[in-house]
Amino acid sequence: MSGNSSHETSWADQWDYNPDPAVYDHGKDGSGGGSSDSTAKYKQKVGEGLGKTKQVASTGIKKVKEGTSVGFNWIKDKCQKTTQKH
């Protein structure tokens, strides 16, 4: 049994009916046409997205802290009520 050559298909290729995605390589020479402008815009959008993500995560953490505090206080109250009955 020989290994896969370039003419044979792999097991995954036999079940994948979608075409392979095209790969675009603009290289380091910047032949993509204004790549520095698009890179700056991309970095700006990523930065804005990270700011929003940070705000949402901060709000979520605050809610988790509040919920945890309420839960512990509820357990604490239940334990104190049962020990006071004895």
C-alpha atoms as a PDB file:
ATOM      1  CA  MET A   1       0.000   0.000   0.000  1.00  0.00           C
ATOM      2  CA  SER A   2       1.636   3.230  -1.111  1.00  0.00           C
ATOM      3  CA  GLY A   3       1.312   6.699   0.392  1.00  0.00           C
ATOM      4  CA  ASN A   4      -0.791   9.430  -1.121  1.00  0.00           C
ATOM      5  CA  SER A   5       0.710  10.930  -4.222  1.00  0.00           C
ATOM      6  CA  SER A   6      -0.296  14.287  -5.651  1.00  0.00           C
ATOM      7  CA  HIS A   7      -2.792  12.541  -7.961  1.00  0.00           C
ATOM      8  CA  GLU A   8      -4.642  10.633  -5.262  1.00  0.00           C
ATOM      9  CA  THR A   9      -7.309  12.137  -3.046  1.00  0.00           C
ATOM     10  CA  SER A  10      -7.210  11.955   0.699  1.00  0.00           C
ATOM     11  CA  TRP A  11     -10.030  10.600   2.820  1.00  0.00           C
ATOM     12  CA  ALA A  12     -11.179  14.151   3.643  1.00  0.00           C
ATOM     13  CA  ASP A  13     -11.176  15.158  -0.030  1.00  0.00           C
ATOM     14  CA  GLN A  14     -13.458  12.261  -0.880  1.00  0.00           C
ATOM     15  CA  TRP A  15     -16.162  13.643   1.435  1.00  0.00           C
ATOM     16  CA  ASP A  16     -15.589  17.370   0.902  1.00  0.00           C
ATOM     17  CA  TYR A  17     -17.681  18.517  -2.051  1.00  0.00           C
ATOM     18  CA  ASN A  18     -16.880  22.207  -1.593  1.00  0.00           C
ATOM     19  CA  PRO A  19     -14.053  23.721  -3.616  1.00  0.00           C
ATOM     20  CA  ASP A  20     -10.890  24.658  -1.780  1.00  0.00           C
ATOM     21  CA  PRO A  21     -10.759  28.349  -0.843  1.00  0.00           C
ATOM     22  CA  ALA A  22      -8.620  30.579  -2.998  1.00  0.00           C
ATOM     23  CA  VAL A  23      -5.403  31.763  -1.412  1.00  0.00           C
ATOM     24  CA  TYR A  24      -4.220  35.249  -2.262  1.00  0.00           C
ATOM     25  CA  ASP A  25      -0.606  36.042  -1.522  1.00  0.00           C
ATOM     26  CA  HIS A  26       0.211  39.717  -1.982  1.00  0.00           C
ATOM     27  CA  GLY A  27       3.753  39.176  -0.851  1.00  0.00           C
ATOM     28  CA  LYS A  28       5.953  41.609   1.036  1.00  0.00           C
ATOM     29  CA  ASP A  29       6.270  44.035  -1.852  1.00  0.00           C
ATOM     30  CA  GLY A  30       2.823  45.506  -1.151  1.00  0.00           C
ATOM     31  CA  SER A  31       1.487  44.705  -4.610  1.00  0.00           C
ATOM     32  CA  GLY A  32      -1.982  44.412  -3.092  1.00  0.00           C
ATOM     33  CA  GLY A  33      -2.662  48.050  -3.899  1.00  0.00           C
ATOM     34  CA  GLY A  34      -2.834  50.372  -0.907  1.00  0.00           C
ATOM     35  CA  SER A  35      -2.181  47.639   1.609  1.00  0.00           C
ATOM     36  CA  SER A  36      -0.937  50.140   4.200  1.00  0.00           C
ATOM     37  CA  ASP A  37      -4.274  52.001   4.076  1.00  0.00           C
ATOM     38  CA  SER A  38      -6.269  48.804   4.395  1.00  0.00           C
ATOM     39  CA  THR A  39      -4.018  47.620   7.206  1.00  0.00           C
ATOM     40  CA  ALA A  40      -4.522  50.869   9.120  1.00  0.00           C
ATOM     41  CA  LYS A  41      -8.302  50.661   8.652  1.00  0.00           C
ATOM     42  CA  TYR A  42      -8.268  47.033   9.723  1.00  0.00           C
ATOM     43  CA  LYS A  43      -6.250  47.812  12.849  1.00  0.00           C
ATOM     44  CA  GLN A  44      -8.626  50.664  13.711  1.00  0.00           C
ATOM     45  CA  LYS A  45     -11.684  48.408  13.366  1.00  0.00           C
ATOM     46  CA  VAL A  46     -10.042  45.674  15.417  1.00  0.00           C
ATOM     47  CA  GLY A  47      -9.171  48.216  18.109  1.00  0.00           C
ATOM     48  CA  GLU A  48     -12.768  49.471  18.200  1.00  0.00           C
ATOM     49  CA  GLY A  49     -14.042  45.901  18.401  1.00  0.00           C
ATOM     50  CA  LEU A  50     -11.675  45.093  21.256  1.00  0.00           C
ATOM     51  CA  GLY A  51     -12.904  48.166  23.146  1.00  0.00           C
ATOM     52  CA  LYS A  52     -16.499  47.005  22.805  1.00  0.00           C
ATOM     53  CA  THR A  53     -15.551  43.484  23.810  1.00  0.00           C
ATOM     54  CA  LYS A  54     -13.749  44.781  26.883  1.00  0.00           C
ATOM     55  CA  GLN A  55     -16.842  46.771  27.936  1.00  0.00           C
ATOM     56  CA  VAL A  56     -19.133  43.763  27.497  1.00  0.00           C
ATOM     57  CA  ALA A  57     -16.739  41.500  29.391  1.00  0.00           C
ATOM     58  CA  SER A  58     -16.467  44.029  32.210  1.00  0.00           C
ATOM     59  CA  THR A  59     -20.257  44.261  32.497  1.00  0.00           C
ATOM     60  CA  GLY A  60     -20.518  40.466  32.462  1.00  0.00           C
ATOM     61  CA  ILE A  61     -17.928  40.094  35.218  1.00  0.00           C
ATOM     62  CA  LYS A  62     -19.794  42.613  37.377  1.00  0.00           C
ATOM     63  CA  LYS A  63     -23.027  40.659  36.925  1.00  0.00           C
ATOM     64  CA  VAL A  64     -21.279  37.400  37.816  1.00  0.00           C
ATOM     65  CA  LYS A  65     -19.819  38.981  40.961  1.00  0.00           C
ATOM     66  CA  GLU A  66     -23.219  40.317  42.020  1.00  0.00           C
ATOM     67  CA  GLY A  67     -24.918  36.981  41.348  1.00  0.00           C
ATOM     68  CA  THR A  68     -22.248  35.085  43.241  1.00  0.00           C
ATOM     69  CA  SER A  69     -22.535  37.443  46.192  1.00  0.00           C
ATOM     70  CA  VAL A  70     -26.318  37.056  46.297  1.00  0.00           C
ATOM     71  CA  GLY A  71     -25.959  33.265  46.047  1.00  0.00           C
ATOM     72  CA  PHE A  72     -23.469  33.066  48.900  1.00  0.00           C
ATOM     73  CA  ASN A  73     -25.596  35.320  51.072  1.00  0.00           C
ATOM     74  CA  TRP A  74     -28.636  33.115  50.389  1.00  0.00           C
ATOM     75  CA  ILE A  75     -26.666  29.988  51.370  1.00  0.00           C
ATOM     76  CA  LYS A  76     -25.302  31.761  54.435  1.00  0.00           C
ATOM     77  CA  ASP A  77     -28.826  32.760  55.525  1.00  0.00           C
ATOM     78  CA  LYS A  78     -30.118  29.204  55.020  1.00  0.00           C
ATOM     79  CA  CYS A  79     -27.258  27.739  57.052  1.00  0.00           C
ATOM     80  CA  GLN A  80     -27.752  30.238  59.879  1.00  0.00           C
ATOM     81  CA  LYS A  81     -31.498  29.515  60.022  1.00  0.00           C
ATOM     82  CA  THR A  82     -30.925  25.769  60.310  1.00  0.00           C
ATOM     83  CA  THR A  83     -28.285  26.157  63.044  1.00  0.00           C
ATOM     84  CA  GLN A  84     -30.503  28.517  65.043  1.00  0.00           C
ATOM     85  CA  LYS A  85     -33.354  25.955  65.083  1.00  0.00           C
ATOM     86  CA  HIS A  86     -31.252  23.373  66.925  1.00  0.00           C
END
